[in-house]
Amino acid sequence: MDNSAAKVPVIQGTTRDEHRTFVAAIETFTGHAATGVDHRGDIEGFFGKGKGEAAKVLAEYPRGACGSVSTALSVVWTDSAWACMALDTDQMLSRQLPTYAYEFADEKAPWAGDRSKPNSRQVRSTPPSRSTCSATRSAR
């Protein structure tokens, strides 16, 4: 960050269940609900089966820790694509600017019309930590 940027406070946030919508849409449009084979295959395909990163992610995000495989996958993708990236950005910005972070986590938030809401059980109930994010960082 160069010194020409305005020194104004930053507020940034994410939604705890951000990727549930994407997983639900994929399942709705394909007619295929995620299975245990999908859980392992998707994670190994994205994080790299042979490099050991997938094993770290599978250990940190076991499919049995959620109410469904779909929810387990949505937590992996939420953390890796949204929450951990926001945490990294917040930490970087906070070295230079007043930085405020939030996580939207309203279990009673409106859902997509008449579609059933995905399972609400979570692997975690707090934003990801540095150690949780380290499992998903290597693929970025």
Protein backbone atom coordinates (compact mmCIF):
# COMPACT_ATOMS: atom_id res chain seq x y z
CA MET A 1 0.00 0.00 0.00
CA ASP A 2 1.57 3.30 -1.01
CA ASN A 3 1.14 6.46 1.02
CA SER A 4 -1.11 8.15 -1.54
CA ALA A 5 -4.17 6.21 -0.37
CA ALA A 6 -6.62 8.06 1.85
CA LYS A 7 -6.31 7.03 5.49
CA VAL A 8 -9.99 6.31 6.09
CA PRO A 9 -11.45 3.51 8.21
CA VAL A 10 -12.40 0.31 6.41
CA ILE A 11 -15.29 -2.00 7.24
CA GLN A 12 -15.47 -5.37 5.56
CA GLY A 13 -17.55 -8.40 6.24
CA THR A 14 -18.62 -11.78 5.04
CA THR A 15 -21.59 -14.06 5.44
CA ARG A 16 -20.94 -17.15 7.55
CA ASP A 17 -22.91 -19.36 5.16
CA GLU A 18 -21.93 -17.58 1.93
CA HIS A 19 -21.32 -20.61 -0.24
CA ARG A 20 -24.45 -22.52 0.78
CA THR A 21 -26.35 -20.66 -1.90
CA PHE A 22 -23.89 -21.81 -4.57
CA VAL A 23 -23.95 -25.44 -3.42
CA ALA A 24 -27.75 -25.38 -3.25
CA ALA A 25 -27.95 -23.90 -6.76
CA ILE A 26 -25.60 -26.52 -8.20
CA GLU A 27 -27.60 -29.31 -6.57
CA THR A 28 -30.90 -27.82 -7.72
CA PHE A 29 -29.81 -27.39 -11.32
CA THR A 30 -27.99 -30.73 -11.62
CA GLY A 31 -30.48 -32.75 -9.57
CA HIS A 32 -27.53 -34.32 -7.72
CA ALA A 33 -27.06 -33.95 -3.96
CA ALA A 34 -23.42 -34.12 -2.84
CA THR A 35 -22.20 -37.48 -1.54
CA GLY A 36 -19.18 -38.57 0.47
CA VAL A 37 -17.42 -39.41 -2.79
CA ASP A 38 -18.11 -35.85 -3.99
CA HIS A 39 -16.78 -34.40 -0.73
CA ARG A 40 -13.41 -36.12 -1.08
CA GLY A 41 -13.24 -35.74 -4.86
CA ASP A 42 -14.09 -32.02 -4.89
CA ILE A 43 -11.56 -31.24 -2.16
CA GLU A 44 -8.82 -33.37 -3.72
CA GLY A 45 -9.57 -31.92 -7.15
CA PHE A 46 -9.33 -28.33 -5.94
CA PHE A 47 -6.57 -28.51 -3.32
CA GLY A 48 -4.43 -31.14 -5.02
CA LYS A 49 -4.52 -34.79 -4.05
CA GLY A 50 -0.80 -35.46 -4.34
CA LYS A 51 0.53 -32.37 -2.55
CA GLY A 52 -0.88 -33.11 0.90
CA GLU A 53 -3.02 -29.97 1.03
CA ALA A 54 -6.22 -31.90 0.41
CA ALA A 55 -5.45 -34.16 3.39
CA LYS A 56 -5.11 -31.07 5.62
CA VAL A 57 -8.44 -29.71 4.40
CA LEU A 58 -10.20 -33.08 4.79
CA ALA A 59 -8.88 -33.31 8.37
CA GLU A 60 -9.94 -29.75 9.22
CA TYR A 61 -13.36 -30.08 7.52
CA PRO A 62 -14.62 -33.67 7.98
CA ARG A 63 -17.83 -34.40 6.10
CA GLY A 64 -19.42 -35.97 9.18
CA ALA A 65 -19.17 -32.76 11.23
CA CYS A 66 -22.18 -31.20 9.48
CA GLY A 67 -25.76 -32.25 9.01
CA SER A 68 -25.09 -33.09 5.36
CA VAL A 69 -22.27 -33.47 2.84
CA SER A 70 -23.64 -30.41 1.03
CA THR A 71 -23.27 -28.30 4.15
CA ALA A 72 -19.78 -29.68 4.80
CA LEU A 73 -18.68 -28.68 1.28
CA SER A 74 -20.28 -25.26 1.59
CA VAL A 75 -18.25 -24.60 4.76
CA VAL A 76 -15.00 -25.51 2.96
CA TRP A 77 -15.81 -23.20 0.04
CA THR A 78 -17.09 -20.40 2.29
CA ASP A 79 -13.88 -20.40 4.29
CA SER A 80 -11.46 -20.80 1.39
CA ALA A 81 -13.13 -18.36 -1.04
CA TRP A 82 -14.66 -15.80 1.30
CA ALA A 83 -13.92 -15.83 5.02
CA CYS A 84 -10.18 -16.58 4.97
CA MET A 85 -9.59 -14.12 2.15
CA ALA A 86 -11.44 -11.45 4.14
CA LEU A 87 -9.42 -12.29 7.26
CA ASP A 88 -6.15 -11.98 5.31
CA THR A 89 -7.28 -8.64 3.85
CA ASP A 90 -8.41 -7.34 7.24
CA GLN A 91 -5.06 -8.22 8.78
CA MET A 92 -3.17 -6.52 5.96
CA LEU A 93 -5.31 -3.38 6.06
CA SER A 94 -5.21 -3.13 9.85
CA ARG A 95 -1.45 -2.53 9.70
CA GLN A 96 -2.14 0.77 7.93
CA LEU A 97 -5.75 1.76 8.61
CA PRO A 98 -8.46 1.46 11.24
CA THR A 99 -10.15 -1.77 10.12
CA TYR A 100 -13.43 -3.22 11.32
CA ALA A 101 -14.61 -6.69 10.41
CA TYR A 102 -17.93 -8.47 10.78
CA GLU A 103 -19.55 -11.78 9.98
CA PHE A 104 -23.23 -11.90 9.09
CA ALA A 105 -24.54 -15.01 10.83
CA ASP A 106 -28.31 -14.63 11.16
CA GLU A 107 -29.88 -18.10 11.22
CA LYS A 108 -33.31 -16.51 10.69
CA ALA A 109 -32.34 -14.53 7.58
CA PRO A 110 -34.77 -14.83 4.65
CA TRP A 111 -34.09 -17.64 2.23
CA ALA A 112 -34.72 -18.13 -1.50
CA GLY A 113 -38.48 -18.12 -1.88
CA ASP A 114 -40.13 -21.52 -1.62
CA ARG A 115 -36.90 -23.56 -1.68
CA SER A 116 -36.05 -25.45 1.46
CA LYS A 117 -33.20 -23.93 3.44
CA PRO A 118 -29.99 -26.01 3.50
CA ASN A 119 -29.10 -27.69 6.77
CA SER A 120 -28.11 -25.05 9.33
CA ARG A 121 -25.65 -27.10 11.41
CA GLN A 122 -22.12 -25.80 11.07
CA VAL A 123 -18.61 -27.14 11.54
CA ARG A 124 -17.80 -23.91 13.34
CA SER A 125 -19.83 -21.18 14.94
CA THR A 126 -17.15 -18.49 14.83
CA PRO A 127 -15.21 -16.93 11.96
CA PRO A 128 -12.24 -18.99 10.84
CA SER A 129 -8.96 -18.58 12.68
CA ARG A 130 -5.43 -18.36 11.29
CA SER A 131 -4.98 -22.09 11.87
CA THR A 132 -8.26 -22.96 10.12
CA CYS A 133 -7.35 -20.77 7.17
CA SER A 134 -3.88 -22.30 6.86
CA ALA A 135 -5.50 -25.54 5.68
CA THR A 136 -7.08 -23.75 2.70
CA ARG A 137 -4.33 -21.21 1.85
CA SER A 138 -1.92 -23.35 -0.13
CA ALA A 139 -4.27 -23.65 -3.11
CA ARG A 140 -4.67 -19.88 -3.50
